[in-house]
Amino acid sequence: MKPEIERQVASFPDGPGVYIFLDSAGRALYVGKAARLRTRVRSYLRPGGDGRPLLRFVEREAASVEFVAVATEQEALLLENTIIKKRK
């Protein structure tokens, strides 16, 4: 992962929320939810990412990552779904 993404993730809260990996043009590459944002997104920073081969393109293509913090995991699930539908 790029150093810029590592810097961004360091400031993420460790509560529930939704994260969005973006390419250099600002297009969403991947939207995900997490009970612990910082911990989850950091899992992508390890060599080999989180182990899912389908997400290796995120490691190559991501230029930045954004998040939206929420109060509960249930809110994260609903927000993730809403963001995915809006970005289609």
PDB file of N, CA and C in Angstrom:
ATOM      1  N   MET A   1       0.844  -1.182   0.000  1.00  0.00           N
ATOM      2  CA  MET A   1       0.000   0.000   0.000  1.00  0.00           C
ATOM      3  C   MET A   1       0.889   1.244   0.000  1.00  0.00           C
ATOM      4  N   LYS A   2       0.346   2.297  -0.513  1.00  0.00           N
ATOM      5  CA  LYS A   2       1.085   3.547  -0.594  1.00  0.00           C
ATOM      6  C   LYS A   2       1.218   4.212   0.786  1.00  0.00           C
ATOM      7  N   PRO A   3       2.331   4.913   1.009  1.00  0.00           N
ATOM      8  CA  PRO A   3       2.545   5.583   2.296  1.00  0.00           C
ATOM      9  C   PRO A   3       1.407   6.546   2.659  1.00  0.00           C
ATOM     10  N   GLU A   4       0.825   7.210   1.677  1.00  0.00           N
ATOM     11  CA  GLU A   4      -0.283   8.132   1.947  1.00  0.00           C
ATOM     12  C   GLU A   4      -1.456   7.405   2.602  1.00  0.00           C
ATOM     13  N   ILE A   5      -1.739   6.210   2.137  1.00  0.00           N
ATOM     14  CA  ILE A   5      -2.833   5.429   2.721  1.00  0.00           C
ATOM     15  C   ILE A   5      -2.487   5.044   4.152  1.00  0.00           C
ATOM     16  N   GLU A   6      -1.259   4.666   4.386  1.00  0.00           N
ATOM     17  CA  GLU A   6      -0.847   4.310   5.747  1.00  0.00           C
ATOM     18  C   GLU A   6      -1.017   5.498   6.695  1.00  0.00           C
ATOM     19  N   ARG A   7      -0.677   6.700   6.223  1.00  0.00           N
ATOM     20  CA  ARG A   7      -0.854   7.896   7.050  1.00  0.00           C
ATOM     21  C   ARG A   7      -2.336   8.156   7.324  1.00  0.00           C
ATOM     22  N   GLN A   8      -3.167   7.980   6.306  1.00  0.00           N
ATOM     23  CA  GLN A   8      -4.599   8.197   6.481  1.00  0.00           C
ATOM     24  C   GLN A   8      -5.171   7.228   7.511  1.00  0.00           C
ATOM     25  N   VAL A   9      -4.812   5.976   7.390  1.00  0.00           N
ATOM     26  CA  VAL A   9      -5.357   4.941   8.272  1.00  0.00           C
ATOM     27  C   VAL A   9      -4.941   5.171   9.725  1.00  0.00           C
ATOM     28  N   ALA A  10      -3.789   5.719   9.938  1.00  0.00           N
ATOM     29  CA  ALA A  10      -3.322   5.975  11.309  1.00  0.00           C
ATOM     30  C   ALA A  10      -4.266   6.902  12.072  1.00  0.00           C
ATOM     31  N   SER A  11      -5.014   7.744  11.349  1.00  0.00           N
ATOM     32  CA  SER A  11      -5.933   8.672  12.012  1.00  0.00           C
ATOM     33  C   SER A  11      -7.365   8.137  12.095  1.00  0.00           C
ATOM     34  N   PHE A  12      -7.614   6.956  11.573  1.00  0.00           N
ATOM     35  CA  PHE A  12      -8.962   6.384  11.624  1.00  0.00           C
ATOM     36  C   PHE A  12      -9.331   6.030  13.063  1.00  0.00           C
ATOM     37  N   PRO A  13     -10.603   6.184  13.410  1.00  0.00           N
ATOM     38  CA  PRO A  13     -11.044   5.706  14.725  1.00  0.00           C
ATOM     39  C   PRO A  13     -11.093   4.177  14.712  1.00  0.00           C
ATOM     40  N   ASP A  14     -11.140   3.572  15.878  1.00  0.00           N
ATOM     41  CA  ASP A  14     -11.186   2.110  15.920  1.00  0.00           C
ATOM     42  C   ASP A  14     -12.582   1.602  16.264  1.00  0.00           C
ATOM     43  N   GLY A  15     -13.581   2.426  16.012  1.00  0.00           N
ATOM     44  CA  GLY A  15     -14.970   2.009  16.213  1.00  0.00           C
ATOM     45  C   GLY A  15     -15.588   1.574  14.895  1.00  0.00           C
ATOM     46  N   PRO A  16     -16.889   1.339  14.880  1.00  0.00           N
ATOM     47  CA  PRO A  16     -17.561   0.869  13.670  1.00  0.00           C
ATOM     48  C   PRO A  16     -17.653   1.947  12.594  1.00  0.00           C
ATOM     49  N   GLY A  17     -17.724   1.495  11.348  1.00  0.00           N
ATOM     50  CA  GLY A  17     -17.873   2.424  10.240  1.00  0.00           C
ATOM     51  C   GLY A  17     -17.720   1.757   8.896  1.00  0.00           C
ATOM     52  N   VAL A  18     -17.657   2.604   7.882  1.00  0.00           N
ATOM     53  CA  VAL A  18     -17.526   2.168   6.491  1.00  0.00           C
ATOM     54  C   VAL A  18     -16.267   2.815   5.923  1.00  0.00           C
ATOM     55  N   TYR A  19     -15.527   2.066   5.114  1.00  0.00           N
ATOM     56  CA  TYR A  19     -14.326   2.588   4.477  1.00  0.00           C
ATOM     57  C   TYR A  19     -14.464   2.441   2.974  1.00  0.00           C
ATOM     58  N   ILE A  20     -13.831   3.369   2.255  1.00  0.00           N
ATOM     59  CA  ILE A  20     -13.903   3.382   0.797  1.00  0.00           C
ATOM     60  C   ILE A  20     -12.502   3.601   0.250  1.00  0.00           C
ATOM     61  N   PHE A  21     -11.994   2.626  -0.488  1.00  0.00           N
ATOM     62  CA  PHE A  21     -10.727   2.787  -1.182  1.00  0.00           C
ATOM     63  C   PHE A  21     -11.022   3.463  -2.516  1.00  0.00           C
ATOM     64  N   LEU A  22     -10.253   4.509  -2.822  1.00  0.00           N
ATOM     65  CA  LEU A  22     -10.458   5.293  -4.041  1.00  0.00           C
ATOM     66  C   LEU A  22      -9.233   5.227  -4.936  1.00  0.00           C
ATOM     67  N   ASP A  23      -9.463   5.290  -6.250  1.00  0.00           N
ATOM     68  CA  ASP A  23      -8.329   5.350  -7.173  1.00  0.00           C
ATOM     69  C   ASP A  23      -7.891   6.807  -7.327  1.00  0.00           C
ATOM     70  N   SER A  24      -6.908   7.062  -8.174  1.00  0.00           N
ATOM     71  CA  SER A  24      -6.359   8.412  -8.308  1.00  0.00           C
ATOM     72  C   SER A  24      -7.363   9.401  -8.901  1.00  0.00           C
ATOM     73  N   ALA A  25      -8.412   8.908  -9.551  1.00  0.00           N
ATOM     74  CA  ALA A  25      -9.457   9.774 -10.108  1.00  0.00           C
ATOM     75  C   ALA A  25     -10.615   9.971  -9.131  1.00  0.00           C
ATOM     76  N   GLY A  26     -10.504   9.379  -7.937  1.00  0.00           N
ATOM     77  CA  GLY A  26     -11.552   9.525  -6.941  1.00  0.00           C
ATOM     78  C   GLY A  26     -12.702   8.547  -7.082  1.00  0.00           C
ATOM     79  N   ARG A  27     -12.533   7.555  -7.932  1.00  0.00           N
ATOM     80  CA  ARG A  27     -13.568   6.527  -8.107  1.00  0.00           C
ATOM     81  C   ARG A  27     -13.414   5.450  -7.043  1.00  0.00           C
ATOM     82  N   ALA A  28     -14.550   4.981  -6.545  1.00  0.00           N
ATOM     83  CA  ALA A  28     -14.532   3.939  -5.524  1.00  0.00           C
ATOM     84  C   ALA A  28     -14.076   2.619  -6.132  1.00  0.00           C
ATOM     85  N   LEU A  29     -13.070   2.019  -5.525  1.00  0.00           N
ATOM     86  CA  LEU A  29     -12.599   0.694  -5.925  1.00  0.00           C
ATOM     87  C   LEU A  29     -13.248  -0.387  -5.078  1.00  0.00           C
ATOM     88  N   TYR A  30     -13.422  -0.063  -3.800  1.00  0.00           N
ATOM     89  CA  TYR A  30     -13.951  -1.055  -2.860  1.00  0.00           C
ATOM     90  C   TYR A  30     -14.582  -0.332  -1.683  1.00  0.00           C
ATOM     91  N   VAL A  31     -15.762  -0.787  -1.294  1.00  0.00           N
ATOM     92  CA  VAL A  31     -16.466  -0.261  -0.123  1.00  0.00           C
ATOM     93  C   VAL A  31     -16.638  -1.415   0.846  1.00  0.00           C
ATOM     94  N   GLY A  32     -16.296  -1.184   2.101  1.00  0.00           N
ATOM     95  CA  GLY A  32     -16.431  -2.234   3.098  1.00  0.00           C
ATOM     96  C   GLY A  32     -16.884  -1.664   4.428  1.00  0.00           C
ATOM     97  N   LYS A  33     -17.333  -2.535   5.293  1.00  0.00           N
ATOM     98  CA  LYS A  33     -17.760  -2.129   6.634  1.00  0.00           C
ATOM     99  C   LYS A  33     -16.856  -2.811   7.649  1.00  0.00           C
ATOM    100  N   ALA A  34     -16.822  -2.248   8.839  1.00  0.00           N
ATOM    101  CA  ALA A  34     -15.974  -2.836   9.881  1.00  0.00           C
ATOM    102  C   ALA A  34     -16.520  -2.498  11.255  1.00  0.00           C
ATOM    103  N   ALA A  35     -16.357  -3.430  12.167  1.00  0.00           N
ATOM    104  CA  ALA A  35     -16.677  -3.168  13.566  1.00  0.00           C
ATOM    105  C   ALA A  35     -15.575  -2.296  14.173  1.00  0.00           C
ATOM    106  N   ARG A  36     -14.354  -2.471  13.649  1.00  0.00           N
ATOM    107  CA  ARG A  36     -13.189  -1.698  14.113  1.00  0.00           C
ATOM    108  C   ARG A  36     -12.461  -1.187  12.874  1.00  0.00           C
ATOM    109  N   LEU A  37     -12.780   0.043  12.481  1.00  0.00           N
ATOM    110  CA  LEU A  37     -12.266   0.603  11.235  1.00  0.00           C
ATOM    111  C   LEU A  37     -10.756   0.518  11.089  1.00  0.00           C
ATOM    112  N   ARG A  38     -10.020   1.109  12.026  1.00  0.00           N
ATOM    113  CA  ARG A  38      -8.565   1.164  11.883  1.00  0.00           C
ATOM    114  C   ARG A  38      -7.973  -0.234  11.765  1.00  0.00           C
ATOM    115  N   THR A  39      -8.427  -1.141  12.616  1.00  0.00           N
ATOM    116  CA  THR A  39      -7.908  -2.507  12.602  1.00  0.00           C
ATOM    117  C   THR A  39      -8.201  -3.187  11.269  1.00  0.00           C
ATOM    118  N   ARG A  40      -9.426  -3.026  10.784  1.00  0.00           N
ATOM    119  CA  ARG A  40      -9.812  -3.684   9.533  1.00  0.00           C
ATOM    120  C   ARG A  40      -9.033  -3.143   8.352  1.00  0.00           C
ATOM    121  N   VAL A  41      -8.968  -1.824   8.233  1.00  0.00           N
ATOM    122  CA  VAL A  41      -8.283  -1.244   7.075  1.00  0.00           C
ATOM    123  C   VAL A  41      -6.785  -1.528   7.146  1.00  0.00           C
ATOM    124  N   ARG A  42      -6.221  -1.574   8.335  1.00  0.00           N
ATOM    125  CA  ARG A  42      -4.797  -1.943   8.458  1.00  0.00           C
ATOM    126  C   ARG A  42      -4.531  -3.357   7.963  1.00  0.00           C
ATOM    127  N   SER A  43      -5.534  -4.219   8.015  1.00  0.00           N
ATOM    128  CA  SER A  43      -5.326  -5.592   7.532  1.00  0.00           C
ATOM    129  C   SER A  43      -4.993  -5.602   6.042  1.00  0.00           C
ATOM    130  N   TYR A  44      -5.414  -4.572   5.314  1.00  0.00           N
ATOM    131  CA  TYR A  44      -5.080  -4.477   3.887  1.00  0.00           C
ATOM    132  C   TYR A  44      -3.641  -4.030   3.679  1.00  0.00           C
ATOM    133  N   LEU A  45      -3.034  -3.445   4.685  1.00  0.00           N
ATOM    134  CA  LEU A  45      -1.679  -2.903   4.551  1.00  0.00           C
ATOM    135  C   LEU A  45      -0.601  -3.962   4.704  1.00  0.00           C
ATOM    136  N   ARG A  46      -0.951  -5.102   5.259  1.00  0.00           N
ATOM    137  CA  ARG A  46       0.022  -6.187   5.416  1.00  0.00           C
ATOM    138  C   ARG A  46       0.363  -6.778   4.041  1.00  0.00           C
ATOM    139  N   PRO A  47       1.551  -7.331   3.894  1.00  0.00           N
ATOM    140  CA  PRO A  47       1.884  -8.002   2.629  1.00  0.00           C
ATOM    141  C   PRO A  47       0.842  -9.078   2.319  1.00  0.00           C
ATOM    142  N   GLY A  48       0.314  -9.061   1.126  1.00  0.00           N
ATOM    143  CA  GLY A  48      -0.715 -10.021   0.738  1.00  0.00           C
ATOM    144  C   GLY A  48      -2.110  -9.584   1.140  1.00  0.00           C
ATOM    145  N   GLY A  49      -2.224  -8.376   1.690  1.00  0.00           N
ATOM    146  CA  GLY A  49      -3.532  -7.847   2.066  1.00  0.00           C
ATOM    147  C   GLY A  49      -4.193  -8.699   3.130  1.00  0.00           C
ATOM    148  N   ASP A  50      -5.501  -8.870   2.978  1.00  0.00           N
ATOM    149  CA  ASP A  50      -6.236  -9.660   3.973  1.00  0.00           C
ATOM    150  C   ASP A  50      -6.358 -11.121   3.548  1.00  0.00           C
ATOM    151  N   GLY A  51      -5.653 -11.482   2.476  1.00  0.00           N
ATOM    152  CA  GLY A  51      -5.628 -12.873   2.038  1.00  0.00           C
ATOM    153  C   GLY A  51      -6.599 -13.206   0.926  1.00  0.00           C
ATOM    154  N   ARG A  52      -7.507 -12.290   0.610  1.00  0.00           N
ATOM    155  CA  ARG A  52      -8.462 -12.554  -0.464  1.00  0.00           C
ATOM    156  C   ARG A  52      -7.862 -12.141  -1.798  1.00  0.00           C
ATOM    157  N   PRO A  53      -7.629 -13.076  -2.702  1.00  0.00           N
ATOM    158  CA  PRO A  53      -7.012 -12.753  -3.989  1.00  0.00           C
ATOM    159  C   PRO A  53      -7.799 -11.729  -4.800  1.00  0.00           C
ATOM    160  N   LEU A  54      -9.109 -11.723  -4.676  1.00  0.00           N
ATOM    161  CA  LEU A  54      -9.920 -10.792  -5.456  1.00  0.00           C
ATOM    162  C   LEU A  54      -9.673  -9.336  -5.078  1.00  0.00           C
ATOM    163  N   LEU A  55      -9.130  -9.092  -3.902  1.00  0.00           N
ATOM    164  CA  LEU A  55      -8.915  -7.713  -3.465  1.00  0.00           C
ATOM    165  C   LEU A  55      -7.487  -7.229  -3.664  1.00  0.00           C
ATOM    166  N   ARG A  56      -6.671  -8.008  -4.306  1.00  0.00           N
ATOM    167  CA  ARG A  56      -5.284  -7.575  -4.530  1.00  0.00           C
ATOM    168  C   ARG A  56      -5.225  -6.335  -5.416  1.00  0.00           C
ATOM    169  N   PHE A  57      -6.244  -6.143  -6.267  1.00  0.00           N
ATOM    170  CA  PHE A  57      -6.271  -4.960  -7.120  1.00  0.00           C
ATOM    171  C   PHE A  57      -6.350  -3.687  -6.274  1.00  0.00           C
ATOM    172  N   VAL A  58      -6.935  -3.770  -5.091  1.00  0.00           N
ATOM    173  CA  VAL A  58      -7.018  -2.605  -4.207  1.00  0.00           C
ATOM    174  C   VAL A  58      -5.611  -2.161  -3.829  1.00  0.00           C
ATOM    175  N   GLU A  59      -4.765  -3.115  -3.509  1.00  0.00           N
ATOM    176  CA  GLU A  59      -3.389  -2.794  -3.142  1.00  0.00           C
ATOM    177  C   GLU A  59      -2.664  -2.077  -4.281  1.00  0.00           C
ATOM    178  N   ARG A  60      -2.915  -2.501  -5.499  1.00  0.00           N
ATOM    179  CA  ARG A  60      -2.252  -1.902  -6.666  1.00  0.00           C
ATOM    180  C   ARG A  60      -2.846  -0.547  -7.039  1.00  0.00           C
ATOM    181  N   GLU A  61      -4.155  -0.436  -7.009  1.00  0.00           N
ATOM    182  CA  GLU A  61      -4.838   0.717  -7.597  1.00  0.00           C
ATOM    183  C   GLU A  61      -5.228   1.823  -6.628  1.00  0.00           C
ATOM    184  N   ALA A  62      -5.331   1.536  -5.344  1.00  0.00           N
ATOM    185  CA  ALA A  62      -5.822   2.536  -4.393  1.00  0.00           C
ATOM    186  C   ALA A  62      -4.839   3.698  -4.246  1.00  0.00           C
ATOM    187  N   ALA A  63      -5.385   4.914  -4.308  1.00  0.00           N
ATOM    188  CA  ALA A  63      -4.590   6.122  -4.097  1.00  0.00           C
ATOM    189  C   ALA A  63      -4.907   6.754  -2.752  1.00  0.00           C
ATOM    190  N   SER A  64      -6.099   6.466  -2.233  1.00  0.00           N
ATOM    191  CA  SER A  64      -6.492   7.000  -0.928  1.00  0.00           C
ATOM    192  C   SER A  64      -7.612   6.151  -0.349  1.00  0.00           C
ATOM    193  N   VAL A  65      -7.907   6.417   0.911  1.00  0.00           N
ATOM    194  CA  VAL A  65      -8.988   5.702   1.586  1.00  0.00           C
ATOM    195  C   VAL A  65      -9.724   6.701   2.474  1.00  0.00           C
ATOM    196  N   GLU A  66     -11.046   6.619   2.466  1.00  0.00           N
ATOM    197  CA  GLU A  66     -11.887   7.479   3.287  1.00  0.00           C
ATOM    198  C   GLU A  66     -12.707   6.618   4.237  1.00  0.00           C
ATOM    199  N   PHE A  67     -13.262   7.241   5.262  1.00  0.00           N
ATOM    200  CA  PHE A  67     -14.127   6.499   6.166  1.00  0.00           C
ATOM    201  C   PHE A  67     -15.288   7.357   6.612  1.00  0.00           C
ATOM    202  N   VAL A  68     -16.324   6.686   7.064  1.00  0.00           N
ATOM    203  CA  VAL A  68     -17.451   7.319   7.740  1.00  0.00           C
ATOM    204  C   VAL A  68     -17.659   6.527   9.022  1.00  0.00           C
ATOM    205  N   ALA A  69     -17.465   7.163  10.154  1.00  0.00           N
ATOM    206  CA  ALA A  69     -17.659   6.502  11.445  1.00  0.00           C
ATOM    207  C   ALA A  69     -19.140   6.537  11.807  1.00  0.00           C
ATOM    208  N   VAL A  70     -19.612   5.463  12.409  1.00  0.00           N
ATOM    209  CA  VAL A  70     -20.994   5.371  12.874  1.00  0.00           C
ATOM    210  C   VAL A  70     -20.991   4.839  14.309  1.00  0.00           C
ATOM    211  N   ALA A  71     -22.183   4.827  14.910  1.00  0.00           N
ATOM    212  CA  ALA A  71     -22.271   4.422  16.310  1.00  0.00           C
ATOM    213  C   ALA A  71     -22.314   2.913  16.517  1.00  0.00           C
ATOM    214  N   THR A  72     -22.893   2.177  15.550  1.00  0.00           N
ATOM    215  CA  THR A  72     -23.067   0.736  15.742  1.00  0.00           C
ATOM    216  C   THR A  72     -22.700  -0.032  14.477  1.00  0.00           C
ATOM    217  N   GLU A  73     -22.461  -1.328  14.650  1.00  0.00           N
ATOM    218  CA  GLU A  73     -22.179  -2.191  13.498  1.00  0.00           C
ATOM    219  C   GLU A  73     -23.381  -2.262  12.559  1.00  0.00           C
ATOM    220  N   GLN A  74     -24.569  -2.223  13.116  1.00  0.00           N
ATOM    221  CA  GLN A  74     -25.783  -2.266  12.307  1.00  0.00           C
ATOM    222  C   GLN A  74     -25.859  -1.035  11.396  1.00  0.00           C
ATOM    223  N   GLU A  75     -25.517   0.126  11.926  1.00  0.00           N
ATOM    224  CA  GLU A  75     -25.484   1.336  11.104  1.00  0.00           C
ATOM    225  C   GLU A  75     -24.448   1.193   9.990  1.00  0.00           C
ATOM    226  N   ALA A  76     -23.312   0.592  10.305  1.00  0.00           N
ATOM    227  CA  ALA A  76     -22.267   0.387   9.306  1.00  0.00           C
ATOM    228  C   ALA A  76     -22.786  -0.482   8.160  1.00  0.00           C
ATOM    229  N   LEU A  77     -23.507  -1.527   8.487  1.00  0.00           N
ATOM    230  CA  LEU A  77     -24.069  -2.413   7.475  1.00  0.00           C
ATOM    231  C   LEU A  77     -25.023  -1.658   6.554  1.00  0.00           C
ATOM    232  N   LEU A  78     -25.908  -0.868   7.142  1.00  0.00           N
ATOM    233  CA  LEU A  78     -26.870  -0.103   6.345  1.00  0.00           C
ATOM    234  C   LEU A  78     -26.179   0.950   5.493  1.00  0.00           C
ATOM    235  N   LEU A  79     -25.201   1.641   6.068  1.00  0.00           N
ATOM    236  CA  LEU A  79     -24.487   2.674   5.326  1.00  0.00           C
ATOM    237  C   LEU A  79     -23.677   2.075   4.176  1.00  0.00           C
ATOM    238  N   GLU A  80     -23.033   0.964   4.418  1.00  0.00           N
ATOM    239  CA  GLU A  80     -22.266   0.291   3.354  1.00  0.00           C
ATOM    240  C   GLU A  80     -23.179  -0.006   2.176  1.00  0.00           C
ATOM    241  N   ASN A  81     -24.332  -0.563   2.442  1.00  0.00           N
ATOM    242  CA  ASN A  81     -25.291  -0.894   1.398  1.00  0.00           C
ATOM    243  C   ASN A  81     -25.730   0.360   0.636  1.00  0.00           C
ATOM    244  N   THR A  82     -26.004   1.431   1.356  1.00  0.00           N
ATOM    245  CA  THR A  82     -26.430   2.686   0.734  1.00  0.00           C
ATOM    246  C   THR A  82     -25.336   3.250  -0.158  1.00  0.00           C
ATOM    247  N   ILE A  83     -24.102   3.266   0.323  1.00  0.00           N
ATOM    248  CA  ILE A  83     -22.989   3.799  -0.468  1.00  0.00           C
ATOM    249  C   ILE A  83     -22.780   2.980  -1.730  1.00  0.00           C
ATOM    250  N   ILE A  84     -22.828   1.673  -1.620  1.00  0.00           N
ATOM    251  CA  ILE A  84     -22.639   0.809  -2.791  1.00  0.00           C
ATOM    252  C   ILE A  84     -23.717   1.093  -3.824  1.00  0.00           C
ATOM    253  N   LYS A  85     -24.955   1.199  -3.405  1.00  0.00           N
ATOM    254  CA  LYS A  85     -26.059   1.465  -4.339  1.00  0.00           C
ATOM    255  C   LYS A  85     -25.909   2.825  -5.011  1.00  0.00           C
ATOM    256  N   LYS A  86     -25.482   3.838  -4.271  1.00  0.00           N
ATOM    257  CA  LYS A  86     -25.332   5.184  -4.839  1.00  0.00           C
ATOM    258  C   LYS A  86     -24.176   5.274  -5.816  1.00  0.00           C
ATOM    259  N   ARG A  87     -23.162   4.461  -5.644  1.00  0.00           N
ATOM    260  CA  ARG A  87     -21.966   4.541  -6.491  1.00  0.00           C
ATOM    261  C   ARG A  87     -22.050   3.656  -7.727  1.00  0.00           C
ATOM    262  N   LYS A  88     -23.126   2.927  -7.882  1.00  0.00           N
ATOM    263  CA  LYS A  88     -23.266   2.060  -9.067  1.00  0.00           C
ATOM    264  C   LYS A  88     -23.607   2.877 -10.285  1.00  0.00           C
TER     265      LYS A  88
END
